[in-house]
């Protein structure tokens, strides 16, 4: 069962956390819940925050596959790259 809690953080931290969670395909609530679960679950306890493997938990909590967007190169850029490689 889900329970609501109210937390107070610096507004800049909240905005950055929301952006980070969105970029990872998850909600801020899901990210927060997972962090709490991770640091309180047995048998593995963490002595400090630095012990938490951040990359591991990101892949576990992502609600969707990460997509990487790349901008297509312009034809001018491609021509320049081609001619530079021929020198």
PDB file of N, CA and C in Angstrom:
ATOM      1  N   UNK A   1       0.841  -1.179   0.000  1.00  0.00           N
ATOM      2  CA  UNK A   1       0.000   0.000   0.000  1.00  0.00           C
ATOM      3  C   UNK A   1       0.887   1.244   0.000  1.00  0.00           C
ATOM      4  N   UNK A   2       0.565   2.176  -0.852  1.00  0.00           N
ATOM      5  CA  UNK A   2       1.316   3.428  -0.909  1.00  0.00           C
ATOM      6  C   UNK A   2       0.843   4.375   0.183  1.00  0.00           C
ATOM      7  N   UNK A   3       1.780   5.090   0.764  1.00  0.00           N
ATOM      8  CA  UNK A   3       1.502   6.097   1.779  1.00  0.00           C
ATOM      9  C   UNK A   3       2.180   7.382   1.361  1.00  0.00           C
ATOM     10  N   UNK A   4       1.498   8.488   1.559  1.00  0.00           N
ATOM     11  CA  UNK A   4       2.075   9.774   1.187  1.00  0.00           C
ATOM     12  C   UNK A   4       2.860  10.357   2.350  1.00  0.00           C
ATOM     13  N   UNK A   5       3.970  11.027   1.995  1.00  0.00           N
ATOM     14  CA  UNK A   5       4.751  11.757   2.986  1.00  0.00           C
ATOM     15  C   UNK A   5       5.056  13.138   2.414  1.00  0.00           C
ATOM     16  N   UNK A   6       5.355  14.064   3.288  1.00  0.00           N
ATOM     17  CA  UNK A   6       5.730  15.403   2.858  1.00  0.00           C
ATOM     18  C   UNK A   6       7.169  15.645   3.272  1.00  0.00           C
ATOM     19  N   UNK A   7       7.982  16.047   2.315  1.00  0.00           N
ATOM     20  CA  UNK A   7       9.389  16.331   2.569  1.00  0.00           C
ATOM     21  C   UNK A   7       9.679  17.762   2.148  1.00  0.00           C
ATOM     22  N   UNK A   8      10.638  18.378   2.799  1.00  0.00           N
ATOM     23  CA  UNK A   8      11.052  19.736   2.437  1.00  0.00           C
ATOM     24  C   UNK A   8      12.506  19.715   2.000  1.00  0.00           C
ATOM     25  N   UNK A   9      12.744  20.198   0.781  1.00  0.00           N
ATOM     26  CA  UNK A   9      14.086  20.271   0.224  1.00  0.00           C
ATOM     27  C   UNK A   9      14.277  21.646  -0.395  1.00  0.00           C
ATOM     28  N   UNK A  10      15.509  21.990  -0.646  1.00  0.00           N
ATOM     29  CA  UNK A  10      15.827  23.200  -1.388  1.00  0.00           C
ATOM     30  C   UNK A  10      15.192  23.082  -2.771  1.00  0.00           C
ATOM     31  N   UNK A  11      14.578  24.154  -3.249  1.00  0.00           N
ATOM     32  CA  UNK A  11      13.864  24.115  -4.527  1.00  0.00           C
ATOM     33  C   UNK A  11      14.777  23.726  -5.684  1.00  0.00           C
ATOM     34  N   UNK A  12      16.021  24.196  -5.680  1.00  0.00           N
ATOM     35  CA  UNK A  12      16.951  23.842  -6.756  1.00  0.00           C
ATOM     36  C   UNK A  12      17.229  22.345  -6.777  1.00  0.00           C
ATOM     37  N   UNK A  13      17.339  21.747  -5.605  1.00  0.00           N
ATOM     38  CA  UNK A  13      17.560  20.297  -5.514  1.00  0.00           C
ATOM     39  C   UNK A  13      16.367  19.549  -6.096  1.00  0.00           C
ATOM     40  N   UNK A  14      15.170  19.991  -5.765  1.00  0.00           N
ATOM     41  CA  UNK A  14      13.958  19.338  -6.273  1.00  0.00           C
ATOM     42  C   UNK A  14      13.914  19.408  -7.797  1.00  0.00           C
ATOM     43  N   UNK A  15      14.187  20.572  -8.354  1.00  0.00           N
ATOM     44  CA  UNK A  15      14.160  20.719  -9.810  1.00  0.00           C
ATOM     45  C   UNK A  15      15.196  19.823 -10.481  1.00  0.00           C
ATOM     46  N   UNK A  16      16.396  19.785  -9.929  1.00  0.00           N
ATOM     47  CA  UNK A  16      17.439  18.924 -10.493  1.00  0.00           C
ATOM     48  C   UNK A  16      17.056  17.454 -10.367  1.00  0.00           C
ATOM     49  N   UNK A  17      16.487  17.083  -9.222  1.00  0.00           N
ATOM     50  CA  UNK A  17      16.080  15.692  -9.009  1.00  0.00           C
ATOM     51  C   UNK A  17      14.958  15.299  -9.968  1.00  0.00           C
ATOM     52  N   UNK A  18      14.006  16.196 -10.188  1.00  0.00           N
ATOM     53  CA  UNK A  18      12.922  15.924 -11.137  1.00  0.00           C
ATOM     54  C   UNK A  18      13.477  15.738 -12.547  1.00  0.00           C
ATOM     55  N   UNK A  19      14.387  16.618 -12.937  1.00  0.00           N
ATOM     56  CA  UNK A  19      14.998  16.503 -14.263  1.00  0.00           C
ATOM     57  C   UNK A  19      15.771  15.195 -14.395  1.00  0.00           C
ATOM     58  N   UNK A  20      16.518  14.853 -13.354  1.00  0.00           N
ATOM     59  CA  UNK A  20      17.292  13.613 -13.375  1.00  0.00           C
ATOM     60  C   UNK A  20      16.366  12.405 -13.482  1.00  0.00           C
ATOM     61  N   UNK A  21      15.329  12.375 -12.650  1.00  0.00           N
ATOM     62  CA  UNK A  21      14.390  11.252 -12.673  1.00  0.00           C
ATOM     63  C   UNK A  21      13.735  11.134 -14.046  1.00  0.00           C
ATOM     64  N   UNK A  22      13.319  12.258 -14.614  1.00  0.00           N
ATOM     65  CA  UNK A  22      12.686  12.238 -15.937  1.00  0.00           C
ATOM     66  C   UNK A  22      13.655  11.743 -17.003  1.00  0.00           C
ATOM     67  N   UNK A  23      14.900  12.150 -16.908  1.00  0.00           N
ATOM     68  CA  UNK A  23      15.879  11.707 -17.905  1.00  0.00           C
ATOM     69  C   UNK A  23      16.159  10.215 -17.805  1.00  0.00           C
ATOM     70  N   UNK A  24      15.866   9.629 -16.658  1.00  0.00           N
ATOM     71  CA  UNK A  24      16.068   8.200 -16.455  1.00  0.00           C
ATOM     72  C   UNK A  24      14.787   7.401 -16.669  1.00  0.00           C
ATOM     73  N   UNK A  25      13.701   8.094 -17.037  1.00  0.00           N
ATOM     74  CA  UNK A  25      12.445   7.408 -17.316  1.00  0.00           C
ATOM     75  C   UNK A  25      11.710   6.955 -16.074  1.00  0.00           C
ATOM     76  N   UNK A  26      11.784   7.753 -15.004  1.00  0.00           N
ATOM     77  CA  UNK A  26      11.097   7.388 -13.770  1.00  0.00           C
ATOM     78  C   UNK A  26      10.541   8.633 -13.108  1.00  0.00           C
ATOM     79  N   UNK A  27       9.645   8.413 -12.169  1.00  0.00           N
ATOM     80  CA  UNK A  27       9.102   9.537 -11.415  1.00  0.00           C
ATOM     81  C   UNK A  27       9.998   9.834 -10.221  1.00  0.00           C
ATOM     82  N   UNK A  28       9.878  11.041  -9.703  1.00  0.00           N
ATOM     83  CA  UNK A  28      10.647  11.422  -8.521  1.00  0.00           C
ATOM     84  C   UNK A  28      10.220  10.573  -7.323  1.00  0.00           C
ATOM     85  N   UNK A  29       8.946  10.265  -7.226  1.00  0.00           N
ATOM     86  CA  UNK A  29       8.464   9.404  -6.137  1.00  0.00           C
ATOM     87  C   UNK A  29       9.101   8.023  -6.205  1.00  0.00           C
ATOM     88  N   UNK A  30       9.164   7.472  -7.405  1.00  0.00           N
ATOM     89  CA  UNK A  30       9.764   6.141  -7.586  1.00  0.00           C
ATOM     90  C   UNK A  30      11.248   6.161  -7.226  1.00  0.00           C
ATOM     91  N   UNK A  31      11.953   7.196  -7.629  1.00  0.00           N
ATOM     92  CA  UNK A  31      13.366   7.345  -7.310  1.00  0.00           C
ATOM     93  C   UNK A  31      13.573   7.423  -5.800  1.00  0.00           C
ATOM     94  N   UNK A  32      12.770   8.237  -5.135  1.00  0.00           N
ATOM     95  CA  UNK A  32      12.878   8.401  -3.683  1.00  0.00           C
ATOM     96  C   UNK A  32      12.546   7.101  -2.954  1.00  0.00           C
ATOM     97  N   UNK A  33      11.474   6.446  -3.376  1.00  0.00           N
ATOM     98  CA  UNK A  33      11.088   5.182  -2.752  1.00  0.00           C
ATOM     99  C   UNK A  33      12.198   4.147  -2.879  1.00  0.00           C
ATOM    100  N   UNK A  34      12.778   4.061  -4.059  1.00  0.00           N
ATOM    101  CA  UNK A  34      13.825   3.073  -4.258  1.00  0.00           C
ATOM    102  C   UNK A  34      15.042   3.363  -3.395  1.00  0.00           C
ATOM    103  N   UNK A  35      15.415   4.633  -3.288  1.00  0.00           N
ATOM    104  CA  UNK A  35      16.552   4.989  -2.433  1.00  0.00           C
ATOM    105  C   UNK A  35      16.301   4.584  -0.985  1.00  0.00           C
ATOM    106  N   UNK A  36      15.110   4.876  -0.485  1.00  0.00           N
ATOM    107  CA  UNK A  36      14.789   4.486   0.896  1.00  0.00           C
ATOM    108  C   UNK A  36      14.807   2.972   1.060  1.00  0.00           C
ATOM    109  N   UNK A  37      14.249   2.270   0.099  1.00  0.00           N
ATOM    110  CA  UNK A  37      14.229   0.802   0.172  1.00  0.00           C
ATOM    111  C   UNK A  37      15.646   0.252   0.151  1.00  0.00           C
ATOM    112  N   UNK A  38      16.472   0.836  -0.694  1.00  0.00           N
ATOM    113  CA  UNK A  38      17.842   0.359  -0.854  1.00  0.00           C
ATOM    114  C   UNK A  38      18.660   0.535   0.422  1.00  0.00           C
ATOM    115  N   UNK A  39      18.513   1.663   1.081  1.00  0.00           N
ATOM    116  CA  UNK A  39      19.343   1.914   2.265  1.00  0.00           C
ATOM    117  C   UNK A  39      18.809   1.252   3.525  1.00  0.00           C
ATOM    118  N   UNK A  40      17.558   0.794   3.500  1.00  0.00           N
ATOM    119  CA  UNK A  40      17.003   0.173   4.703  1.00  0.00           C
ATOM    120  C   UNK A  40      16.829  -1.333   4.595  1.00  0.00           C
ATOM    121  N   UNK A  41      17.068  -1.908   3.430  1.00  0.00           N
ATOM    122  CA  UNK A  41      16.823  -3.340   3.249  1.00  0.00           C
ATOM    123  C   UNK A  41      17.960  -4.186   3.801  1.00  0.00           C
ATOM    124  N   UNK A  42      17.591  -5.333   4.302  1.00  0.00           N
ATOM    125  CA  UNK A  42      18.580  -6.314   4.775  1.00  0.00           C
ATOM    126  C   UNK A  42      18.764  -7.324   3.655  1.00  0.00           C
ATOM    127  N   UNK A  43      19.803  -8.047   3.542  1.00  0.00           N
ATOM    128  CA  UNK A  43      20.915  -8.146   4.474  1.00  0.00           C
ATOM    129  C   UNK A  43      21.975  -7.089   4.234  1.00  0.00           C
ATOM    130  N   UNK A  44      21.876  -6.356   3.138  1.00  0.00           N
ATOM    131  CA  UNK A  44      22.927  -5.388   2.826  1.00  0.00           C
ATOM    132  C   UNK A  44      22.588  -4.040   3.437  1.00  0.00           C
ATOM    133  N   UNK A  45      23.375  -3.596   4.390  1.00  0.00           N
ATOM    134  CA  UNK A  45      23.191  -2.255   4.917  1.00  0.00           C
ATOM    135  C   UNK A  45      24.388  -1.412   4.538  1.00  0.00           C
ATOM    136  N   UNK A  46      24.134  -0.156   4.397  1.00  0.00           N
ATOM    137  CA  UNK A  46      25.181   0.764   3.984  1.00  0.00           C
ATOM    138  C   UNK A  46      25.603   1.629   5.167  1.00  0.00           C
ATOM    139  N   UNK A  47      26.904   1.715   5.370  1.00  0.00           N
ATOM    140  CA  UNK A  47      27.436   2.510   6.471  1.00  0.00           C
ATOM    141  C   UNK A  47      27.333   4.002   6.168  1.00  0.00           C
ATOM    142  N   UNK A  48      27.386   4.355   4.887  1.00  0.00           N
ATOM    143  CA  UNK A  48      27.290   5.764   4.502  1.00  0.00           C
ATOM    144  C   UNK A  48      26.658   5.872   3.121  1.00  0.00           C
ATOM    145  N   UNK A  49      26.287   7.078   2.745  1.00  0.00           N
ATOM    146  CA  UNK A  49      25.673   7.295   1.432  1.00  0.00           C
ATOM    147  C   UNK A  49      26.616   6.963   0.289  1.00  0.00           C
ATOM    148  N   UNK A  50      27.912   7.126   0.511  1.00  0.00           N
ATOM    149  CA  UNK A  50      28.890   6.843  -0.537  1.00  0.00           C
ATOM    150  C   UNK A  50      28.945   5.358  -0.897  1.00  0.00           C
ATOM    151  N   UNK A  51      28.449   4.503  -0.013  1.00  0.00           N
ATOM    152  CA  UNK A  51      28.474   3.061  -0.264  1.00  0.00           C
ATOM    153  C   UNK A  51      27.381   2.606  -1.232  1.00  0.00           C
ATOM    154  N   UNK A  52      26.386   3.440  -1.470  1.00  0.00           N
ATOM    155  CA  UNK A  52      25.267   3.053  -2.334  1.00  0.00           C
ATOM    156  C   UNK A  52      25.719   3.097  -3.794  1.00  0.00           C
ATOM    157  N   UNK A  53      25.595   1.973  -4.517  1.00  0.00           N
ATOM    158  CA  UNK A  53      25.996   1.935  -5.929  1.00  0.00           C
ATOM    159  C   UNK A  53      24.941   2.606  -6.815  1.00  0.00           C
ATOM    160  N   UNK A  54      25.140   3.875  -7.121  1.00  0.00           N
ATOM    161  CA  UNK A  54      24.157   4.664  -7.853  1.00  0.00           C
ATOM    162  C   UNK A  54      23.825   4.070  -9.225  1.00  0.00           C
ATOM    163  N   UNK A  55      24.811   3.678  -9.992  1.00  0.00           N
ATOM    164  CA  UNK A  55      24.553   3.147 -11.338  1.00  0.00           C
ATOM    165  C   UNK A  55      23.689   1.892 -11.284  1.00  0.00           C
ATOM    166  N   UNK A  56      23.894   1.057 -10.276  1.00  0.00           N
ATOM    167  CA  UNK A  56      23.098  -0.161 -10.150  1.00  0.00           C
ATOM    168  C   UNK A  56      21.632   0.160  -9.907  1.00  0.00           C
ATOM    169  N   UNK A  57      21.366   1.118  -9.018  1.00  0.00           N
ATOM    170  CA  UNK A  57      19.975   1.384  -8.711  1.00  0.00           C
ATOM    171  C   UNK A  57      19.269   2.098  -9.858  1.00  0.00           C
ATOM    172  N   UNK A  58      19.967   2.869 -10.655  1.00  0.00           N
ATOM    173  CA  UNK A  58      19.337   3.543 -11.794  1.00  0.00           C
ATOM    174  C   UNK A  58      18.796   2.519 -12.778  1.00  0.00           C
ATOM    175  N   UNK A  59      19.573   1.503 -13.071  1.00  0.00           N
ATOM    176  CA  UNK A  59      19.107   0.498 -14.023  1.00  0.00           C
ATOM    177  C   UNK A  59      17.953  -0.319 -13.449  1.00  0.00           C
ATOM    178  N   UNK A  60      17.893  -0.460 -12.134  1.00  0.00           N
ATOM    179  CA  UNK A  60      16.814  -1.225 -11.518  1.00  0.00           C
ATOM    180  C   UNK A  60      15.500  -0.458 -11.467  1.00  0.00           C
ATOM    181  N   UNK A  61      15.547   0.858 -11.269  1.00  0.00           N
ATOM    182  CA  UNK A  61      14.315   1.610 -11.085  1.00  0.00           C
ATOM    183  C   UNK A  61      13.780   2.254 -12.354  1.00  0.00           C
ATOM    184  N   UNK A  62      14.528   2.232 -13.410  1.00  0.00           N
ATOM    185  CA  UNK A  62      14.059   2.858 -14.642  1.00  0.00           C
ATOM    186  C   UNK A  62      12.757   2.203 -15.085  1.00  0.00           C
ATOM    187  N   UNK A  63      11.742   3.009 -15.295  1.00  0.00           N
ATOM    188  CA  UNK A  63      10.438   2.485 -15.676  1.00  0.00           C
ATOM    189  C   UNK A  63      10.334   2.216 -17.172  1.00  0.00           C
ATOM    190  N   UNK A  64      11.272   2.717 -17.927  1.00  0.00           N
ATOM    191  CA  UNK A  64      11.289   2.469 -19.369  1.00  0.00           C
ATOM    192  C   UNK A  64      12.728   2.450 -19.849  1.00  0.00           C
ATOM    193  N   UNK A  65      12.918   1.918 -21.031  1.00  0.00           N
ATOM    194  CA  UNK A  65      14.262   1.834 -21.600  1.00  0.00           C
ATOM    195  C   UNK A  65      14.787   3.233 -21.900  1.00  0.00           C
ATOM    196  N   UNK A  66      16.028   3.469 -21.577  1.00  0.00           N
ATOM    197  CA  UNK A  66      16.631   4.771 -21.852  1.00  0.00           C
ATOM    198  C   UNK A  66      16.800   4.954 -23.351  1.00  0.00           C
ATOM    199  N   UNK A  67      16.487   6.139 -23.831  1.00  0.00           N
ATOM    200  CA  UNK A  67      16.685   6.451 -25.238  1.00  0.00           C
ATOM    201  C   UNK A  67      17.674   7.604 -25.330  1.00  0.00           C
ATOM    202  N   UNK A  68      18.552   7.500 -26.271  1.00  0.00           N
ATOM    203  CA  UNK A  68      19.565   8.518 -26.458  1.00  0.00           C
ATOM    204  C   UNK A  68      19.285   9.232 -27.768  1.00  0.00           C
ATOM    205  N   UNK A  69      19.095  10.525 -27.682  1.00  0.00           N
ATOM    206  CA  UNK A  69      18.784  11.312 -28.868  1.00  0.00           C
ATOM    207  C   UNK A  69      20.051  11.975 -29.376  1.00  0.00           C
ATOM    208  N   UNK A  70      20.277  11.821 -30.652  1.00  0.00           N
ATOM    209  CA  UNK A  70      21.422  12.487 -31.271  1.00  0.00           C
ATOM    210  C   UNK A  70      20.919  13.334 -32.430  1.00  0.00           C
ATOM    211  N   UNK A  71      21.531  14.458 -32.613  1.00  0.00           N
ATOM    212  CA  UNK A  71      21.147  15.341 -33.709  1.00  0.00           C
ATOM    213  C   UNK A  71      21.856  14.886 -34.978  1.00  0.00           C
ATOM    214  N   UNK A  72      21.124  14.915 -36.065  1.00  0.00           N
ATOM    215  CA  UNK A  72      21.718  14.548 -37.351  1.00  0.00           C
ATOM    216  C   UNK A  72      22.699  15.641 -37.765  1.00  0.00           C
ATOM    217  N   UNK A  73      23.795  15.235 -38.357  1.00  0.00           N
ATOM    218  CA  UNK A  73      24.792  16.205 -38.814  1.00  0.00           C
ATOM    219  C   UNK A  73      24.306  16.856 -40.101  1.00  0.00           C
ATOM    220  N   UNK A  74      24.615  18.126 -40.247  1.00  0.00           N
ATOM    221  CA  UNK A  74      24.236  18.843 -41.468  1.00  0.00           C
ATOM    222  C   UNK A  74      25.129  18.380 -42.617  1.00  0.00           C
ATOM    223  N   UNK A  75      24.651  18.587 -43.840  1.00  0.00           N
ATOM    224  CA  UNK A  75      25.449  18.175 -45.000  1.00  0.00           C
ATOM    225  C   UNK A  75      26.753  18.965 -45.056  1.00  0.00           C
ATOM    226  N   UNK A  76      26.713  20.221 -44.641  1.00  0.00           N
ATOM    227  CA  UNK A  76      27.929  21.036 -44.611  1.00  0.00           C
ATOM    228  C   UNK A  76      28.944  20.432 -43.640  1.00  0.00           C
ATOM    229  N   UNK A  77      28.464  20.019 -42.490  1.00  0.00           N
ATOM    230  CA  UNK A  77      29.330  19.407 -41.487  1.00  0.00           C
ATOM    231  C   UNK A  77      29.899  18.080 -41.987  1.00  0.00           C
ATOM    232  N   UNK A  78      29.071  17.295 -42.651  1.00  0.00           N
ATOM    233  CA  UNK A  78      29.527  16.014 -43.190  1.00  0.00           C
ATOM    234  C   UNK A  78      30.585  16.202 -44.277  1.00  0.00           C
ATOM    235  N   UNK A  79      30.366  17.188 -45.145  1.00  0.00           N
ATOM    236  CA  UNK A  79      31.352  17.470 -46.197  1.00  0.00           C
ATOM    237  C   UNK A  79      32.677  17.889 -45.585  1.00  0.00           C
ATOM    238  N   UNK A  80      32.622  18.775 -44.608  1.00  0.00           N
ATOM    239  CA  UNK A  80      33.842  19.242 -43.952  1.00  0.00           C
ATOM    240  C   UNK A  80      34.579  18.073 -43.303  1.00  0.00           C
ATOM    241  N   UNK A  81      33.839  17.226 -42.626  1.00  0.00           N
ATOM    242  CA  UNK A  81      34.433  16.054 -41.978  1.00  0.00           C
ATOM    243  C   UNK A  81      35.084  15.131 -43.013  1.00  0.00           C
ATOM    244  N   UNK A  82      34.401  14.935 -44.133  1.00  0.00           N
ATOM    245  CA  UNK A  82      34.932  14.079 -45.190  1.00  0.00           C
ATOM    246  C   UNK A  82      36.243  14.637 -45.747  1.00  0.00           C
ATOM    247  N   UNK A  83      36.238  15.916 -46.090  1.00  0.00           N
ATOM    248  CA  UNK A  83      37.439  16.523 -46.677  1.00  0.00           C
ATOM    249  C   UNK A  83      38.589  16.590 -45.675  1.00  0.00           C
ATOM    250  N   UNK A  84      38.278  16.783 -44.407  1.00  0.00           N
ATOM    251  CA  UNK A  84      39.317  16.788 -43.371  1.00  0.00           C
ATOM    252  C   UNK A  84      39.961  15.407 -43.251  1.00  0.00           C
ATOM    253  N   UNK A  85      39.164  14.366 -43.416  1.00  0.00           N
ATOM    254  CA  UNK A  85      39.702  13.007 -43.294  1.00  0.00           C
ATOM    255  C   UNK A  85      40.570  12.623 -44.495  1.00  0.00           C
ATOM    256  N   UNK A  86      40.422  13.341 -45.619  1.00  0.00           N
ATOM    257  CA  UNK A  86      41.178  13.038 -46.831  1.00  0.00           C
ATOM    258  C   UNK A  86      42.530  13.737 -46.875  1.00  0.00           C
ATOM    259  N   UNK A  87      42.780  14.633 -45.950  1.00  0.00           N
ATOM    260  CA  UNK A  87      44.055  15.374 -45.956  1.00  0.00           C
ATOM    261  C   UNK A  87      45.190  14.525 -45.492  1.00  0.00           C
TER     262      UNK A  87
END
